[in-house]
């Protein structure tokens, strides 16, 4: 399982206005006295970027099976029926978290 975003994923998240990854998450270069992070986002950093709830009703859920990962915002309605507001399924957790962040950012949710 991948632990970090790929360089192009990291660049896209920064382009979307997210803060740079933590300095200890990758290699750091220095320009004068300013650290320039060339690292990647960790799974924990990606989860921290996502809101726990959207529109008061939809909670963040991260689910897995033996083939991949779902990252979704949903709520349980009558019985066991789920109402899903946003959903992403990918083989790797990092990719699912990344895709959800990009989706929510591009839709103006975050």
N, C-alpha and C. Protein backbone atom coordinates (compact mmCIF):
# COMPACT_ATOMS: atom_id res chain seq x y z
N UNK A 1 0.84 -1.17 0.00
CA UNK A 1 0.00 0.00 0.00
C UNK A 1 0.89 1.24 0.00
N UNK A 2 0.55 2.18 -0.86
CA UNK A 2 1.30 3.42 -0.92
C UNK A 2 1.07 4.23 0.36
N UNK A 3 2.11 4.92 0.79
CA UNK A 3 2.04 5.72 2.02
C UNK A 3 2.00 7.22 1.74
N UNK A 4 2.42 7.63 0.53
CA UNK A 4 2.58 9.05 0.21
C UNK A 4 2.00 9.35 -1.17
N UNK A 5 1.66 10.62 -1.39
CA UNK A 5 1.22 11.04 -2.71
C UNK A 5 2.40 11.02 -3.68
N UNK A 6 2.08 10.82 -4.96
CA UNK A 6 3.09 10.90 -6.01
C UNK A 6 3.42 12.37 -6.25
N UNK A 7 4.58 12.68 -6.83
CA UNK A 7 4.95 14.08 -7.05
C UNK A 7 3.90 14.89 -7.81
N UNK A 8 3.27 14.31 -8.83
CA UNK A 8 2.24 15.05 -9.58
C UNK A 8 0.98 15.28 -8.74
N UNK A 9 0.65 14.36 -7.85
CA UNK A 9 -0.48 14.56 -6.94
C UNK A 9 -0.18 15.68 -5.96
N UNK A 10 1.03 15.67 -5.41
CA UNK A 10 1.44 16.73 -4.48
C UNK A 10 1.37 18.08 -5.16
N UNK A 11 1.89 18.17 -6.38
CA UNK A 11 1.88 19.43 -7.12
C UNK A 11 0.45 19.91 -7.37
N UNK A 12 -0.46 19.00 -7.69
CA UNK A 12 -1.86 19.37 -7.94
C UNK A 12 -2.51 19.92 -6.67
N UNK A 13 -2.28 19.29 -5.53
CA UNK A 13 -2.87 19.77 -4.28
C UNK A 13 -2.34 21.15 -3.91
N UNK A 14 -1.07 21.38 -4.12
CA UNK A 14 -0.50 22.70 -3.85
C UNK A 14 -1.09 23.73 -4.82
N UNK A 15 -1.25 23.33 -6.08
CA UNK A 15 -1.85 24.21 -7.09
C UNK A 15 -3.28 24.59 -6.70
N UNK A 16 -4.00 23.67 -6.05
CA UNK A 16 -5.37 23.94 -5.61
C UNK A 16 -5.43 24.81 -4.35
N UNK A 17 -4.27 25.18 -3.83
CA UNK A 17 -4.23 26.10 -2.69
C UNK A 17 -4.06 25.45 -1.34
N UNK A 18 -3.77 24.17 -1.29
CA UNK A 18 -3.57 23.51 0.00
C UNK A 18 -2.17 23.82 0.52
N UNK A 19 -1.99 23.79 1.83
CA UNK A 19 -0.65 24.04 2.37
C UNK A 19 0.31 22.95 1.93
N UNK A 20 1.58 23.31 1.85
CA UNK A 20 2.60 22.34 1.48
C UNK A 20 2.63 21.20 2.49
N UNK A 21 3.09 20.03 2.06
CA UNK A 21 3.22 18.92 3.01
C UNK A 21 4.18 19.29 4.13
N UNK A 22 4.03 18.61 5.25
CA UNK A 22 4.94 18.86 6.37
C UNK A 22 6.37 18.63 5.92
N UNK A 23 7.27 19.37 6.48
CA UNK A 23 8.67 19.29 6.08
C UNK A 23 9.24 17.89 6.31
N UNK A 24 8.85 17.23 7.40
CA UNK A 24 9.42 15.92 7.67
C UNK A 24 8.78 14.80 6.84
N UNK A 25 7.83 15.15 5.96
CA UNK A 25 7.20 14.14 5.12
C UNK A 25 8.00 13.89 3.85
N UNK A 26 9.08 14.60 3.64
CA UNK A 26 9.86 14.41 2.44
C UNK A 26 11.18 15.15 2.50
N UNK A 27 11.80 15.28 1.37
CA UNK A 27 13.09 15.95 1.26
C UNK A 27 12.86 17.46 1.32
N UNK A 28 13.72 18.16 2.03
CA UNK A 28 13.60 19.61 2.13
C UNK A 28 14.82 20.26 1.49
N UNK A 29 14.55 21.27 0.68
CA UNK A 29 15.62 22.09 0.13
C UNK A 29 15.50 23.46 0.79
N UNK A 30 16.56 24.19 0.81
CA UNK A 30 16.55 25.51 1.41
C UNK A 30 16.84 26.57 0.36
N UNK A 31 16.06 27.63 0.37
CA UNK A 31 16.33 28.82 -0.42
C UNK A 31 16.56 29.93 0.58
N UNK A 32 17.81 30.27 0.79
CA UNK A 32 18.12 31.24 1.85
C UNK A 32 17.78 30.62 3.18
N UNK A 33 16.91 31.30 3.94
CA UNK A 33 16.48 30.79 5.23
C UNK A 33 15.11 30.13 5.19
N UNK A 34 14.55 29.98 3.99
CA UNK A 34 13.21 29.41 3.84
C UNK A 34 13.28 27.95 3.40
N UNK A 35 12.62 27.06 4.16
CA UNK A 35 12.59 25.66 3.70
C UNK A 35 11.59 25.51 2.56
N UNK A 36 11.97 24.78 1.53
CA UNK A 36 11.10 24.47 0.41
C UNK A 36 10.88 22.96 0.44
N UNK A 37 9.67 22.55 0.74
CA UNK A 37 9.38 21.13 0.87
C UNK A 37 9.18 20.52 -0.51
N UNK A 38 9.89 19.48 -0.78
CA UNK A 38 9.72 18.74 -2.03
C UNK A 38 9.15 17.36 -1.72
N UNK A 39 8.59 17.22 -0.55
CA UNK A 39 8.08 15.93 -0.10
C UNK A 39 6.69 15.64 -0.61
N UNK A 40 6.03 14.74 0.03
CA UNK A 40 4.71 14.29 -0.35
C UNK A 40 3.79 14.31 0.86
N UNK A 41 2.49 14.32 0.60
CA UNK A 41 1.51 14.25 1.69
C UNK A 41 1.41 12.81 2.18
N UNK A 42 1.28 12.65 3.48
CA UNK A 42 1.08 11.34 4.08
C UNK A 42 -0.41 11.03 4.12
N UNK A 43 -0.75 9.79 4.39
CA UNK A 43 -2.15 9.40 4.55
C UNK A 43 -2.80 10.23 5.65
N UNK A 44 -2.09 10.42 6.76
CA UNK A 44 -2.63 11.21 7.86
C UNK A 44 -2.89 12.66 7.48
N UNK A 45 -1.98 13.25 6.72
CA UNK A 45 -2.18 14.64 6.28
C UNK A 45 -3.39 14.75 5.36
N UNK A 46 -3.56 13.78 4.48
CA UNK A 46 -4.71 13.80 3.57
C UNK A 46 -6.02 13.68 4.34
N UNK A 47 -6.06 12.79 5.32
CA UNK A 47 -7.27 12.63 6.13
C UNK A 47 -7.55 13.92 6.89
N UNK A 48 -6.51 14.58 7.40
CA UNK A 48 -6.69 15.82 8.15
C UNK A 48 -7.23 16.96 7.28
N UNK A 49 -6.94 16.93 5.99
CA UNK A 49 -7.44 17.96 5.07
C UNK A 49 -8.94 17.82 4.87
N UNK A 50 -9.44 16.59 4.87
CA UNK A 50 -10.86 16.36 4.61
C UNK A 50 -11.72 16.76 5.82
N UNK A 51 -12.83 17.46 5.56
CA UNK A 51 -13.73 17.78 6.68
C UNK A 51 -14.40 16.51 7.20
N UNK A 52 -14.67 16.47 8.48
CA UNK A 52 -15.33 15.31 9.07
C UNK A 52 -16.80 15.22 8.67
N UNK A 53 -17.41 16.37 8.40
CA UNK A 53 -18.83 16.44 8.04
C UNK A 53 -19.02 17.46 6.95
N UNK A 54 -19.95 17.17 6.04
CA UNK A 54 -20.35 18.11 4.99
C UNK A 54 -21.85 18.34 5.12
N UNK A 55 -22.26 19.58 5.02
CA UNK A 55 -23.69 19.95 5.08
C UNK A 55 -24.38 19.39 6.31
N UNK A 56 -23.71 19.32 7.41
CA UNK A 56 -24.21 18.86 8.71
C UNK A 56 -24.60 17.39 8.73
N UNK A 57 -25.09 16.86 7.64
CA UNK A 57 -25.66 15.52 7.61
C UNK A 57 -24.71 14.42 7.12
N UNK A 58 -23.74 14.76 6.30
CA UNK A 58 -22.92 13.75 5.63
C UNK A 58 -21.57 13.61 6.31
N UNK A 59 -21.32 12.45 6.89
CA UNK A 59 -20.09 12.19 7.63
C UNK A 59 -19.07 11.48 6.76
N UNK A 60 -17.80 11.77 7.01
CA UNK A 60 -16.71 11.12 6.31
C UNK A 60 -16.62 9.67 6.76
N UNK A 61 -16.53 8.76 5.78
CA UNK A 61 -16.31 7.34 6.06
C UNK A 61 -15.19 6.85 5.16
N UNK A 62 -14.33 6.01 5.72
CA UNK A 62 -13.26 5.37 4.95
C UNK A 62 -13.44 3.88 5.16
N UNK A 63 -13.74 3.18 4.07
CA UNK A 63 -14.05 1.76 4.13
C UNK A 63 -13.13 1.00 3.19
N UNK A 64 -12.88 -0.26 3.50
CA UNK A 64 -12.03 -1.07 2.62
C UNK A 64 -12.62 -2.46 2.45
N UNK A 65 -12.21 -3.07 1.35
CA UNK A 65 -12.45 -4.49 1.15
C UNK A 65 -11.12 -5.09 0.70
N UNK A 66 -11.09 -6.29 0.24
CA UNK A 66 -9.81 -6.91 -0.12
C UNK A 66 -9.25 -6.38 -1.44
N UNK A 67 -10.00 -5.51 -2.14
CA UNK A 67 -9.54 -4.99 -3.43
C UNK A 67 -9.23 -3.49 -3.42
N UNK A 68 -9.82 -2.73 -2.51
CA UNK A 68 -9.61 -1.29 -2.57
C UNK A 68 -10.23 -0.54 -1.41
N UNK A 69 -10.34 0.79 -1.61
CA UNK A 69 -10.78 1.70 -0.56
C UNK A 69 -11.87 2.63 -1.07
N UNK A 70 -12.90 2.85 -0.24
CA UNK A 70 -13.92 3.85 -0.48
C UNK A 70 -13.67 5.01 0.47
N UNK A 71 -13.72 6.22 -0.06
CA UNK A 71 -13.77 7.42 0.77
C UNK A 71 -15.08 8.07 0.37
N UNK A 72 -15.96 8.26 1.35
CA UNK A 72 -17.28 8.79 1.01
C UNK A 72 -17.84 9.67 2.12
N UNK A 73 -18.80 10.47 1.72
CA UNK A 73 -19.59 11.25 2.66
C UNK A 73 -21.01 10.76 2.52
N UNK A 74 -21.52 10.20 3.60
CA UNK A 74 -22.86 9.64 3.55
C UNK A 74 -23.54 9.71 4.90
N UNK A 75 -24.81 9.32 4.89
CA UNK A 75 -25.56 9.23 6.14
C UNK A 75 -26.50 8.04 6.04
N UNK A 76 -26.82 7.48 7.18
CA UNK A 76 -27.74 6.35 7.22
C UNK A 76 -29.15 6.90 7.36
N UNK A 77 -30.02 6.47 6.46
CA UNK A 77 -31.41 6.91 6.50
C UNK A 77 -32.26 5.87 7.19
N UNK A 78 -33.45 5.65 6.67
CA UNK A 78 -34.36 4.65 7.23
C UNK A 78 -33.76 3.26 7.07
N UNK A 79 -33.77 2.51 8.11
CA UNK A 79 -33.19 1.18 8.08
C UNK A 79 -31.68 1.28 7.91
N UNK A 80 -31.14 0.51 6.98
CA UNK A 80 -29.70 0.53 6.72
C UNK A 80 -29.37 1.19 5.39
N UNK A 81 -30.29 1.96 4.85
CA UNK A 81 -30.07 2.61 3.56
C UNK A 81 -29.13 3.80 3.73
N UNK A 82 -28.13 3.86 2.86
CA UNK A 82 -27.17 4.96 2.88
C UNK A 82 -27.59 6.01 1.86
N UNK A 83 -27.44 7.25 2.24
CA UNK A 83 -27.56 8.35 1.30
C UNK A 83 -26.14 8.88 1.13
N UNK A 84 -25.62 8.80 -0.08
CA UNK A 84 -24.23 9.18 -0.33
C UNK A 84 -24.19 10.48 -1.11
N UNK A 85 -23.46 11.44 -0.57
CA UNK A 85 -23.29 12.75 -1.20
C UNK A 85 -22.09 12.76 -2.13
N UNK A 86 -20.97 12.20 -1.71
CA UNK A 86 -19.74 12.12 -2.49
C UNK A 86 -19.11 10.76 -2.25
N UNK A 87 -18.55 10.16 -3.31
CA UNK A 87 -17.97 8.82 -3.18
C UNK A 87 -16.81 8.66 -4.16
N UNK A 88 -15.72 8.04 -3.67
CA UNK A 88 -14.56 7.72 -4.50
C UNK A 88 -14.12 6.31 -4.12
N UNK A 89 -13.78 5.50 -5.12
CA UNK A 89 -13.24 4.16 -4.87
C UNK A 89 -11.95 4.00 -5.67
N UNK A 90 -10.88 3.61 -5.01
CA UNK A 90 -9.59 3.37 -5.66
C UNK A 90 -8.90 2.18 -5.00
N UNK A 91 -7.91 1.65 -5.69
CA UNK A 91 -7.16 0.51 -5.15
C UNK A 91 -6.32 0.90 -3.95
N UNK A 92 -5.74 2.09 -3.97
CA UNK A 92 -4.89 2.56 -2.87
C UNK A 92 -5.60 3.65 -2.08
N UNK A 93 -5.42 3.63 -0.78
CA UNK A 93 -6.03 4.63 0.09
C UNK A 93 -5.54 6.03 -0.25
N UNK A 94 -4.25 6.18 -0.51
CA UNK A 94 -3.70 7.49 -0.86
C UNK A 94 -4.42 8.07 -2.07
N UNK A 95 -4.64 7.24 -3.09
CA UNK A 95 -5.30 7.71 -4.31
C UNK A 95 -6.76 8.08 -4.06
N UNK A 96 -7.45 7.30 -3.23
CA UNK A 96 -8.85 7.60 -2.91
C UNK A 96 -8.96 8.92 -2.14
N UNK A 97 -8.08 9.13 -1.17
CA UNK A 97 -8.09 10.37 -0.39
C UNK A 97 -7.76 11.56 -1.29
N UNK A 98 -6.74 11.40 -2.13
CA UNK A 98 -6.34 12.46 -3.05
C UNK A 98 -7.51 12.83 -3.98
N UNK A 99 -8.13 11.82 -4.59
CA UNK A 99 -9.24 12.10 -5.51
C UNK A 99 -10.41 12.78 -4.83
N UNK A 100 -10.69 12.40 -3.57
CA UNK A 100 -11.78 13.05 -2.85
C UNK A 100 -11.44 14.51 -2.56
N UNK A 101 -10.21 14.79 -2.17
CA UNK A 101 -9.80 16.16 -1.90
C UNK A 101 -9.93 17.01 -3.17
N UNK A 102 -9.44 16.50 -4.29
CA UNK A 102 -9.52 17.24 -5.55
C UNK A 102 -10.99 17.47 -5.92
N UNK A 103 -11.81 16.46 -5.79
CA UNK A 103 -13.24 16.56 -6.11
C UNK A 103 -13.91 17.64 -5.27
N UNK A 104 -13.70 17.59 -3.95
CA UNK A 104 -14.33 18.57 -3.06
C UNK A 104 -13.80 19.97 -3.29
N UNK A 105 -12.51 20.09 -3.57
CA UNK A 105 -11.91 21.39 -3.82
C UNK A 105 -12.46 21.99 -5.12
N UNK A 106 -12.52 21.20 -6.17
CA UNK A 106 -13.02 21.69 -7.46
C UNK A 106 -14.50 22.02 -7.42
N UNK A 107 -15.27 21.36 -6.55
CA UNK A 107 -16.70 21.65 -6.40
C UNK A 107 -16.96 22.78 -5.40
N UNK A 108 -15.89 23.30 -4.78
CA UNK A 108 -16.04 24.40 -3.84
C UNK A 108 -16.54 24.00 -2.46
N UNK A 109 -16.50 22.72 -2.16
CA UNK A 109 -16.95 22.23 -0.85
C UNK A 109 -15.92 22.56 0.22
N UNK A 110 -14.64 22.43 -0.14
CA UNK A 110 -13.56 22.80 0.79
C UNK A 110 -12.70 23.87 0.15
